[in-house]
Amino acid sequence: MPNEAILVEPEARNTGANIMLSRDILARAGVTPDSVLLISMPYMERRAYATCRQLWPDVAPVCTSAPLTLEEYVKSIGDAAEVVDVMIGDLQRVKEYPKRGFAIAQTVPLVVQSAFERLVATGFSSRLLQ
């Protein structure tokens, strides 16, 4: 792939900004995609999808992440509690961001909601929204 064929978006500091700024870069280049590939951390695929559907509804998002098992992902981070905290924070965003207009709403199964509440009650809360 020649370097001039690669468009880089270096300014975003969050998923929503990355989607909007990438959309703008492509539009300025005259590119109107039908679909986009969103590459994220394994636990962020649902939120990346929901954010893209909200902010760029004209494209079909295809989400992917490194093909890791949970055990492999925890090993790559080195701290199981940190992984749970990050996943809890991300699930909260899946639930809360639609209310803020950042993402489309998604159904969270009751069993997942119950697990979320139990984990927060036991102290996994360092990545929750304030």
N, C-alpha and C. Protein backbone atom coordinates (compact mmCIF):
# COMPACT_ATOMS: atom_id res chain seq x y z
N MET A 1 0.85 -1.17 0.00
CA MET A 1 0.00 0.00 0.00
C MET A 1 0.90 1.23 0.00
N PRO A 2 0.75 2.12 -0.96
CA PRO A 2 1.57 3.33 -0.97
C PRO A 2 1.16 4.28 0.17
N ASN A 3 2.13 4.96 0.75
CA ASN A 3 1.86 5.86 1.87
C ASN A 3 0.78 6.89 1.54
N GLU A 4 0.76 7.40 0.32
CA GLU A 4 -0.21 8.44 -0.04
C GLU A 4 -1.64 7.91 -0.08
N ALA A 5 -1.81 6.61 -0.06
CA ALA A 5 -3.15 6.02 -0.05
C ALA A 5 -3.71 5.88 1.37
N ILE A 6 -2.88 6.14 2.36
CA ILE A 6 -3.29 5.98 3.76
C ILE A 6 -3.66 7.34 4.33
N LEU A 7 -4.87 7.44 4.84
CA LEU A 7 -5.33 8.66 5.49
C LEU A 7 -5.27 8.43 7.00
N VAL A 8 -4.63 9.35 7.71
CA VAL A 8 -4.42 9.19 9.14
C VAL A 8 -5.20 10.25 9.90
N GLU A 9 -5.87 9.84 10.96
CA GLU A 9 -6.59 10.75 11.84
C GLU A 9 -5.88 10.72 13.19
N PRO A 10 -5.05 11.72 13.50
CA PRO A 10 -4.25 11.67 14.72
C PRO A 10 -4.80 12.44 15.92
N GLU A 11 -5.94 13.10 15.80
CA GLU A 11 -6.39 14.03 16.83
C GLU A 11 -7.37 13.47 17.85
N ALA A 12 -8.09 12.43 17.54
CA ALA A 12 -9.16 11.93 18.41
C ALA A 12 -8.62 11.46 19.75
N ARG A 13 -9.44 11.67 20.75
CA ARG A 13 -9.10 11.21 22.11
C ARG A 13 -10.15 10.25 22.66
N ASN A 14 -11.16 9.93 21.82
CA ASN A 14 -12.17 8.97 22.23
C ASN A 14 -12.80 8.37 20.98
N THR A 15 -13.61 7.35 21.16
CA THR A 15 -14.20 6.62 20.04
C THR A 15 -15.06 7.51 19.16
N GLY A 16 -15.91 8.32 19.78
CA GLY A 16 -16.79 9.20 19.00
C GLY A 16 -16.01 10.19 18.16
N ALA A 17 -15.00 10.80 18.75
CA ALA A 17 -14.18 11.76 18.00
C ALA A 17 -13.45 11.05 16.87
N ASN A 18 -12.96 9.86 17.11
CA ASN A 18 -12.27 9.12 16.07
C ASN A 18 -13.18 8.84 14.89
N ILE A 19 -14.42 8.48 15.17
CA ILE A 19 -15.38 8.20 14.09
C ILE A 19 -15.70 9.48 13.32
N MET A 20 -16.00 10.56 14.03
CA MET A 20 -16.37 11.81 13.35
C MET A 20 -15.21 12.41 12.56
N LEU A 21 -14.02 12.41 13.14
CA LEU A 21 -12.86 12.97 12.44
C LEU A 21 -12.47 12.11 11.24
N SER A 22 -12.56 10.79 11.38
CA SER A 22 -12.26 9.90 10.25
C SER A 22 -13.27 10.09 9.13
N ARG A 23 -14.54 10.23 9.49
CA ARG A 23 -15.59 10.50 8.51
C ARG A 23 -15.27 11.79 7.75
N ASP A 24 -14.85 12.83 8.47
CA ASP A 24 -14.54 14.12 7.84
C ASP A 24 -13.32 14.03 6.92
N ILE A 25 -12.30 13.31 7.34
CA ILE A 25 -11.11 13.14 6.50
C ILE A 25 -11.48 12.43 5.20
N LEU A 26 -12.27 11.38 5.31
CA LEU A 26 -12.69 10.65 4.11
C LEU A 26 -13.54 11.54 3.20
N ALA A 27 -14.44 12.32 3.78
CA ALA A 27 -15.29 13.20 2.97
C ALA A 27 -14.44 14.23 2.22
N ARG A 28 -13.46 14.80 2.90
CA ARG A 28 -12.58 15.78 2.23
C ARG A 28 -11.79 15.14 1.10
N ALA A 29 -11.52 13.84 1.23
CA ALA A 29 -10.78 13.11 0.18
C ALA A 29 -11.72 12.59 -0.90
N GLY A 30 -13.01 12.86 -0.75
CA GLY A 30 -13.96 12.40 -1.75
C GLY A 30 -14.33 10.94 -1.64
N VAL A 31 -14.11 10.36 -0.49
CA VAL A 31 -14.41 8.94 -0.26
C VAL A 31 -15.72 8.83 0.50
N THR A 32 -16.66 8.08 -0.07
CA THR A 32 -17.96 7.85 0.57
C THR A 32 -18.14 6.35 0.76
N PRO A 33 -17.69 5.84 1.89
CA PRO A 33 -17.76 4.38 2.09
C PRO A 33 -19.17 3.90 2.40
N ASP A 34 -19.42 2.65 2.04
CA ASP A 34 -20.66 1.98 2.42
C ASP A 34 -20.51 1.30 3.77
N SER A 35 -19.26 0.92 4.08
CA SER A 35 -18.98 0.25 5.35
C SER A 35 -17.64 0.72 5.88
N VAL A 36 -17.45 0.55 7.17
CA VAL A 36 -16.18 0.88 7.80
C VAL A 36 -15.78 -0.26 8.73
N LEU A 37 -14.49 -0.46 8.86
CA LEU A 37 -13.95 -1.47 9.76
C LEU A 37 -13.51 -0.77 11.03
N LEU A 38 -14.10 -1.16 12.15
CA LEU A 38 -13.75 -0.60 13.45
C LEU A 38 -12.93 -1.63 14.21
N ILE A 39 -11.70 -1.27 14.51
CA ILE A 39 -10.81 -2.17 15.25
C ILE A 39 -10.65 -1.60 16.64
N SER A 40 -11.00 -2.41 17.63
CA SER A 40 -10.98 -1.91 19.01
C SER A 40 -10.42 -2.97 19.94
N MET A 41 -10.42 -2.63 21.21
CA MET A 41 -10.09 -3.62 22.23
C MET A 41 -11.24 -4.64 22.23
N PRO A 42 -10.99 -5.87 22.65
CA PRO A 42 -12.04 -6.89 22.60
C PRO A 42 -13.32 -6.49 23.33
N TYR A 43 -13.20 -5.84 24.48
CA TYR A 43 -14.38 -5.48 25.27
C TYR A 43 -15.14 -4.28 24.71
N MET A 44 -14.60 -3.58 23.72
CA MET A 44 -15.20 -2.36 23.21
C MET A 44 -15.99 -2.52 21.92
N GLU A 45 -16.09 -3.69 21.37
CA GLU A 45 -16.73 -3.85 20.06
C GLU A 45 -18.19 -3.37 20.06
N ARG A 46 -18.95 -3.73 21.07
CA ARG A 46 -20.37 -3.30 21.11
C ARG A 46 -20.49 -1.79 21.17
N ARG A 47 -19.66 -1.16 22.00
CA ARG A 47 -19.74 0.29 22.14
C ARG A 47 -19.27 0.98 20.87
N ALA A 48 -18.22 0.47 20.24
CA ALA A 48 -17.74 1.05 18.98
C ALA A 48 -18.85 0.96 17.92
N TYR A 49 -19.50 -0.18 17.85
CA TYR A 49 -20.60 -0.36 16.90
C TYR A 49 -21.71 0.66 17.17
N ALA A 50 -22.14 0.74 18.42
CA ALA A 50 -23.26 1.63 18.78
C ALA A 50 -22.90 3.10 18.54
N THR A 51 -21.66 3.46 18.80
CA THR A 51 -21.21 4.84 18.57
C THR A 51 -21.21 5.15 17.08
N CYS A 52 -20.70 4.24 16.29
CA CYS A 52 -20.66 4.45 14.84
C CYS A 52 -22.07 4.56 14.27
N ARG A 53 -22.98 3.70 14.70
CA ARG A 53 -24.36 3.74 14.19
C ARG A 53 -25.03 5.08 14.52
N GLN A 54 -24.68 5.65 15.67
CA GLN A 54 -25.25 6.93 16.07
C GLN A 54 -24.64 8.10 15.29
N LEU A 55 -23.32 8.10 15.19
CA LEU A 55 -22.62 9.25 14.64
C LEU A 55 -22.41 9.20 13.13
N TRP A 56 -22.51 8.01 12.55
CA TRP A 56 -22.28 7.85 11.11
C TRP A 56 -23.27 6.81 10.59
N PRO A 57 -24.56 7.13 10.63
CA PRO A 57 -25.58 6.13 10.32
C PRO A 57 -25.60 5.67 8.86
N ASP A 58 -24.89 6.36 7.99
CA ASP A 58 -24.90 6.00 6.56
C ASP A 58 -23.97 4.84 6.21
N VAL A 59 -23.16 4.40 7.17
CA VAL A 59 -22.25 3.29 6.88
C VAL A 59 -22.62 2.08 7.73
N ALA A 60 -22.20 0.93 7.25
CA ALA A 60 -22.38 -0.32 8.00
C ALA A 60 -21.08 -0.63 8.73
N PRO A 61 -21.08 -0.52 10.05
CA PRO A 61 -19.84 -0.82 10.78
C PRO A 61 -19.60 -2.32 10.89
N VAL A 62 -18.36 -2.69 10.69
CA VAL A 62 -17.91 -4.07 10.90
C VAL A 62 -16.87 -3.98 12.01
N CYS A 63 -17.13 -4.64 13.11
CA CYS A 63 -16.26 -4.53 14.28
C CYS A 63 -15.39 -5.77 14.44
N THR A 64 -14.16 -5.52 14.88
CA THR A 64 -13.26 -6.62 15.15
C THR A 64 -12.26 -6.21 16.22
N SER A 65 -11.59 -7.19 16.76
CA SER A 65 -10.54 -6.97 17.74
C SER A 65 -9.57 -8.15 17.64
N ALA A 66 -8.49 -8.05 18.38
CA ALA A 66 -7.53 -9.15 18.39
C ALA A 66 -8.24 -10.43 18.84
N PRO A 67 -8.02 -11.54 18.16
CA PRO A 67 -8.70 -12.79 18.52
C PRO A 67 -8.06 -13.44 19.75
N LEU A 68 -8.37 -12.86 20.92
CA LEU A 68 -7.80 -13.36 22.17
C LEU A 68 -8.89 -13.97 23.04
N THR A 69 -8.54 -15.00 23.76
CA THR A 69 -9.44 -15.48 24.81
C THR A 69 -9.36 -14.50 25.97
N LEU A 70 -10.29 -14.59 26.88
CA LEU A 70 -10.24 -13.73 28.06
C LEU A 70 -8.94 -13.95 28.82
N GLU A 71 -8.55 -15.21 28.95
CA GLU A 71 -7.30 -15.52 29.65
C GLU A 71 -6.10 -14.87 28.95
N GLU A 72 -6.05 -14.94 27.64
CA GLU A 72 -4.95 -14.31 26.90
C GLU A 72 -4.97 -12.79 27.04
N TYR A 73 -6.16 -12.22 27.02
CA TYR A 73 -6.27 -10.77 27.17
C TYR A 73 -5.81 -10.33 28.56
N VAL A 74 -6.25 -11.03 29.60
CA VAL A 74 -5.82 -10.70 30.96
C VAL A 74 -4.30 -10.81 31.06
N LYS A 75 -3.74 -11.85 30.49
CA LYS A 75 -2.28 -12.03 30.53
C LYS A 75 -1.57 -10.87 29.81
N SER A 76 -2.13 -10.39 28.71
CA SER A 76 -1.50 -9.28 27.97
C SER A 76 -1.55 -7.98 28.75
N ILE A 77 -2.56 -7.79 29.61
CA ILE A 77 -2.69 -6.60 30.44
C ILE A 77 -1.90 -6.78 31.73
N GLY A 78 -1.93 -7.99 32.27
CA GLY A 78 -1.15 -8.29 33.47
C GLY A 78 -1.88 -8.08 34.78
N ASP A 79 -3.15 -7.70 34.74
CA ASP A 79 -3.89 -7.42 35.97
C ASP A 79 -5.36 -7.75 35.75
N ALA A 80 -5.81 -8.85 36.30
CA ALA A 80 -7.19 -9.29 36.08
C ALA A 80 -8.20 -8.28 36.63
N ALA A 81 -7.92 -7.71 37.78
CA ALA A 81 -8.84 -6.72 38.37
C ALA A 81 -8.97 -5.51 37.46
N GLU A 82 -7.90 -5.08 36.86
CA GLU A 82 -7.93 -3.94 35.93
C GLU A 82 -8.80 -4.27 34.72
N VAL A 83 -8.68 -5.48 34.21
CA VAL A 83 -9.50 -5.89 33.07
C VAL A 83 -10.98 -5.87 33.43
N VAL A 84 -11.34 -6.38 34.60
CA VAL A 84 -12.74 -6.37 35.02
C VAL A 84 -13.22 -4.94 35.18
N ASP A 85 -12.42 -4.08 35.81
CA ASP A 85 -12.80 -2.67 35.98
C ASP A 85 -13.06 -1.99 34.63
N VAL A 86 -12.18 -2.22 33.67
CA VAL A 86 -12.33 -1.61 32.35
C VAL A 86 -13.58 -2.14 31.66
N MET A 87 -13.82 -3.44 31.77
CA MET A 87 -15.01 -4.02 31.14
C MET A 87 -16.29 -3.49 31.79
N ILE A 88 -16.28 -3.32 33.10
CA ILE A 88 -17.44 -2.77 33.81
C ILE A 88 -17.69 -1.34 33.35
N GLY A 89 -16.63 -0.54 33.26
CA GLY A 89 -16.78 0.83 32.79
C GLY A 89 -17.31 0.89 31.37
N ASP A 90 -16.86 -0.01 30.53
CA ASP A 90 -17.33 -0.01 29.15
C ASP A 90 -18.79 -0.42 29.06
N LEU A 91 -19.19 -1.41 29.85
CA LEU A 91 -20.60 -1.81 29.86
C LEU A 91 -21.48 -0.67 30.34
N GLN A 92 -21.03 0.06 31.35
CA GLN A 92 -21.81 1.21 31.80
C GLN A 92 -21.98 2.21 30.65
N ARG A 93 -20.95 2.42 29.86
CA ARG A 93 -21.04 3.35 28.73
C ARG A 93 -22.00 2.84 27.66
N VAL A 94 -22.02 1.51 27.44
CA VAL A 94 -23.00 0.94 26.50
C VAL A 94 -24.41 1.30 26.95
N LYS A 95 -24.64 1.31 28.25
CA LYS A 95 -25.96 1.61 28.78
C LYS A 95 -26.24 3.11 28.85
N GLU A 96 -25.25 3.91 29.18
CA GLU A 96 -25.46 5.34 29.44
C GLU A 96 -25.28 6.25 28.23
N TYR A 97 -24.40 5.90 27.32
CA TYR A 97 -24.12 6.81 26.21
C TYR A 97 -25.32 7.08 25.30
N PRO A 98 -26.24 6.14 25.11
CA PRO A 98 -27.42 6.49 24.32
C PRO A 98 -28.21 7.65 24.92
N LYS A 99 -28.29 7.72 26.24
CA LYS A 99 -29.00 8.81 26.91
C LYS A 99 -28.34 10.16 26.65
N ARG A 100 -27.05 10.14 26.35
CA ARG A 100 -26.29 11.37 26.10
C ARG A 100 -26.17 11.68 24.60
N GLY A 101 -26.76 10.81 23.77
CA GLY A 101 -26.71 11.03 22.33
C GLY A 101 -25.43 10.57 21.67
N PHE A 102 -24.60 9.81 22.40
CA PHE A 102 -23.31 9.37 21.88
C PHE A 102 -23.37 8.04 21.13
N ALA A 103 -24.44 7.28 21.32
CA ALA A 103 -24.52 5.92 20.76
C ALA A 103 -25.98 5.51 20.64
N ILE A 104 -26.22 4.50 19.82
CA ILE A 104 -27.57 3.94 19.76
C ILE A 104 -27.80 3.05 20.99
N ALA A 105 -29.05 2.88 21.35
CA ALA A 105 -29.38 2.01 22.47
C ALA A 105 -29.21 0.55 22.06
N GLN A 106 -28.79 -0.25 23.02
CA GLN A 106 -28.66 -1.69 22.83
C GLN A 106 -29.27 -2.39 24.03
N THR A 107 -29.83 -3.55 23.78
CA THR A 107 -30.39 -4.33 24.87
C THR A 107 -29.26 -4.98 25.66
N VAL A 108 -29.30 -4.82 26.97
CA VAL A 108 -28.35 -5.50 27.85
C VAL A 108 -29.12 -6.61 28.54
N PRO A 109 -28.76 -7.85 28.29
CA PRO A 109 -29.48 -8.96 28.91
C PRO A 109 -29.50 -8.85 30.44
N LEU A 110 -30.59 -9.30 31.04
CA LEU A 110 -30.75 -9.22 32.49
C LEU A 110 -29.59 -9.89 33.23
N VAL A 111 -29.13 -11.02 32.74
CA VAL A 111 -28.03 -11.72 33.41
C VAL A 111 -26.76 -10.87 33.38
N VAL A 112 -26.54 -10.12 32.32
CA VAL A 112 -25.38 -9.24 32.22
C VAL A 112 -25.55 -8.05 33.17
N GLN A 113 -26.75 -7.47 33.21
CA GLN A 113 -27.04 -6.37 34.12
C GLN A 113 -26.84 -6.80 35.57
N SER A 114 -27.30 -8.01 35.90
CA SER A 114 -27.14 -8.52 37.27
C SER A 114 -25.67 -8.70 37.63
N ALA A 115 -24.90 -9.24 36.70
CA ALA A 115 -23.46 -9.41 36.95
C ALA A 115 -22.79 -8.06 37.12
N PHE A 116 -23.15 -7.09 36.29
CA PHE A 116 -22.63 -5.73 36.39
C PHE A 116 -22.88 -5.19 37.80
N GLU A 117 -24.11 -5.28 38.28
CA GLU A 117 -24.46 -4.75 39.59
C GLU A 117 -23.69 -5.44 40.71
N ARG A 118 -23.54 -6.77 40.61
CA ARG A 118 -22.77 -7.51 41.63
C ARG A 118 -21.30 -7.09 41.63
N LEU A 119 -20.73 -6.93 40.45
CA LEU A 119 -19.31 -6.55 40.37
C LEU A 119 -19.09 -5.13 40.88
N VAL A 120 -19.99 -4.21 40.55
CA VAL A 120 -19.86 -2.85 41.07
C VAL A 120 -19.98 -2.86 42.59
N ALA A 121 -20.92 -3.63 43.11
CA ALA A 121 -21.13 -3.70 44.56
C ALA A 121 -19.91 -4.26 45.29
N THR A 122 -19.11 -5.09 44.59
CA THR A 122 -17.92 -5.65 45.23
C THR A 122 -16.68 -4.79 45.00
N GLY A 123 -16.86 -3.62 44.36
CA GLY A 123 -15.74 -2.68 44.27
C GLY A 123 -15.15 -2.45 42.90
N PHE A 124 -15.67 -3.08 41.89
CA PHE A 124 -15.16 -2.86 40.54
C PHE A 124 -15.81 -1.60 39.97
N SER A 125 -15.29 -0.46 40.37
CA SER A 125 -15.94 0.80 40.01
C SER A 125 -14.98 1.91 39.58
N SER A 126 -13.71 1.60 39.44
CA SER A 126 -12.74 2.66 39.17
C SER A 126 -12.90 3.29 37.78
N ARG A 127 -13.56 2.61 36.85
CA ARG A 127 -13.74 3.13 35.50
C ARG A 127 -15.18 3.58 35.21
N LEU A 128 -16.00 3.69 36.26
CA LEU A 128 -17.36 4.13 36.06
C LEU A 128 -17.42 5.63 35.80
N LEU A 129 -18.42 6.03 35.04
CA LEU A 129 -18.67 7.45 34.81
C LEU A 129 -19.07 8.08 36.14
N GLN A 130 -18.71 9.31 36.33
CA GLN A 130 -19.07 10.02 37.57
C GLN A 130 -20.42 10.66 37.44
